[in-house]
């Protein structure tokens, strides 16, 4: 991460990933999972990601 390419990727992450998590938190009200177990949480996050992608696709 200390090399030039790593620094560029780290800066790009702010534009690629961070707004998606903010949108999921704000628009879907998802701040914390009430489920227990990695499998259940993985499914929940997957469903939230699909909902986000569908919302983007239709907009």
Protein backbone atom coordinates (compact mmCIF):
# COMPACT_ATOMS: atom_id res chain seq x y z
CA UNK A 1 0.00 0.00 0.00
CA UNK A 2 2.99 2.29 0.28
CA UNK A 3 3.80 2.09 -3.40
CA UNK A 4 2.35 4.51 -5.92
CA UNK A 5 -0.11 1.97 -7.35
CA UNK A 6 -1.34 1.03 -3.86
CA UNK A 7 -1.92 4.66 -2.95
CA UNK A 8 -3.93 5.17 -6.15
CA UNK A 9 -6.10 2.13 -5.41
CA UNK A 10 -6.70 3.35 -1.87
CA UNK A 11 -7.82 6.75 -3.15
CA UNK A 12 -10.07 5.13 -5.76
CA UNK A 13 -11.80 3.08 -3.04
CA UNK A 14 -13.29 6.27 -1.61
CA UNK A 15 -15.13 6.82 -4.86
CA UNK A 16 -16.04 3.19 -5.61
CA UNK A 17 -17.01 1.53 -2.33
CA UNK A 18 -17.70 4.05 0.42
CA UNK A 19 -20.80 5.65 -1.20
CA UNK A 20 -22.39 2.22 -1.62
CA UNK A 21 -22.15 1.46 2.09
CA UNK A 22 -23.46 4.93 2.91
CA UNK A 23 -26.41 4.40 0.57
CA UNK A 24 -27.23 1.03 2.11
CA UNK A 25 -27.06 2.52 5.60
CA UNK A 26 -29.16 5.58 4.73
CA UNK A 27 -31.69 4.26 2.20
CA UNK A 28 -32.23 0.79 3.65
CA UNK A 29 -31.74 1.70 7.30
CA UNK A 30 -29.17 -1.06 7.73
CA UNK A 31 -26.80 -0.18 10.53
CA UNK A 32 -26.40 -3.50 12.29
CA UNK A 33 -27.34 -7.10 11.59
CA UNK A 34 -29.71 -8.73 14.03
CA UNK A 35 -28.89 -12.17 12.65
CA UNK A 36 -26.38 -14.57 14.12
CA UNK A 37 -24.08 -16.73 12.07
CA UNK A 38 -21.88 -16.00 9.11
CA UNK A 39 -24.18 -17.75 6.63
CA UNK A 40 -27.24 -15.72 7.62
CA UNK A 41 -25.37 -12.42 7.62
CA UNK A 42 -23.81 -13.22 4.23
CA UNK A 43 -27.27 -13.85 2.78
CA UNK A 44 -28.62 -10.61 4.29
CA UNK A 45 -25.75 -8.55 2.87
CA UNK A 46 -26.19 -10.26 -0.49
CA UNK A 47 -29.86 -9.34 -0.57
CA UNK A 48 -29.05 -5.74 0.35
CA UNK A 49 -26.43 -5.63 -2.43
CA UNK A 50 -28.95 -7.00 -4.95
CA UNK A 51 -31.52 -4.43 -3.87
CA UNK A 52 -28.94 -1.67 -4.25
CA UNK A 53 -27.94 -2.91 -7.72
CA UNK A 54 -31.56 -3.14 -8.84
CA UNK A 55 -32.23 0.36 -7.57
CA UNK A 56 -29.23 1.65 -9.55
CA UNK A 57 -30.26 -0.28 -12.67
CA UNK A 58 -33.80 1.13 -12.70
CA UNK A 59 -32.77 4.70 -11.96
